[in-house]
């Protein structure tokens, strides 16, 4: 019986050792897929990849900050963690938007040297950014925390000095110039005291044919008057508008619908404005051509030709379910607390009741079923849930006849989608990168298992080199298995 027990312990040890071999954990909270003129830049699990027929990990090994070079470990130790959020091309250079230790920053990435040159200006929350290679527009908060507000930022790159040039006020970006321009379209009397514009959001895109940016904005424009008793009277104007921008603002137009995206269709030379479950098609004079109801949230819009577009929309959601449990914890009673209780002839409790959330599982839910789930959670106060990520679907819409065709993506369940006018790049829920074109797909690689050295074989399959750490793990595993077999043999021999 003792020998059998020893064998059981050895076998259990074997399985435990296998189970603790390193596994790359996936944290796909932030993903980004951006197409360039001839390649793709993909951000996933805080790694940056370049795809151009071959896939290469270009995550920076070194960060240059305040004229000093750090390794990733050093930058994390000295300042804090650095998370990669988005990418863009400016002046034929690659730039990365980073969530840094004291707000969002932008860095220039040297792909060959794997070095990120981090600029020292810091911003609050990042919303969106687009570039035409000559200049870029972005929307950030002007700072973190309380009273932060969105600002419109214009960036240019000086190749001579290698500097990223900030256009406009250093704290408010283009907001001050924009508010001066908008004031002309606000009703006010001449004896106003001052005015201020509080933006809520911006979205925009570039028209290369007309060489201008179209910007949608909304916010509260307050005109302030001083009364006879020197108190101030605020007259608020809620403003939704479209405006063109090319070094100056012009062609203002009121727009009464809320927008979250603007996309220029180069094939038809018109604008696709994305609202809440609706598409608004505008010509270059900003006249409404057509309104299309889509009855769903829209994540991305990709023009195909003059009359057809692809819509990327959240089809399912992966939710994390949490159980709220009561937990008794020992009260940290000090002399001061005891004395205060004695003043009221009371005794401090030995234990306190606290609430903690325990994850009980994950579930894939259709978007249309989320309201039902929310109502169930409201009825059962012991549970709550978080949306971990969305799984996206693709629809093709004919803008002439409003015909909608669902694109079958073979249950790839992508968590992000990119399109370059020729084919799709998808990040699947299995952490793999796929090319999808004309109903067929090809797996490029599993991004979680990808090493830094990737080669493309003659049969178009990706060959991933094993890292040294994995080889060492396998050697150790082989040694452990040999030792277990030897001990097992000795024990059996004694028996």
Foldseek 3Di string as FASTA:
>chain_A
DVLVVVLVVLVVVLVVLVVPDDFQDFQFLAWEWDDDPQWIWIAGSQWIWIGRLAIFTQAAQWEQDPNDIDGQVRCCVPARHKGWHYWAAALNWIKTWIQGRFAIWIWTADRVNSYTYTDDDHFHAWDDKYDPNAKIWGWTFLHDDPPTAIAIWMWGADPVVRDIDTADDSRRRCQVQVLVVCVVVDDDDPQWDDKDWGWHDKEWDADPVVGKIKMWTWTKIWTWHADPVRDIDIDIDTFTWIWIDDPHIDLIDGDPFDFDYWDAANQQQWIWTHGDQKTFIAHPNRDTDDIDGRPFDFDDWADQHNFKIKTKGFFKFKKWKKFKDKDKDADPDDPVNQVVQVVVPHGDDRIDIDIDIDTDDIDIGTPVCVVVVVVVCVVPVRMDMDGSATFIWMWMAGNVVRDIDTQDPPPQRFRDWDDDNAWIWGQGPQQWIWIGGPNDIDTAGRPSQADRDWDADPVRHIDHDDDPVVVVSVVVSVVSVVVSVVVSVVSVVVD
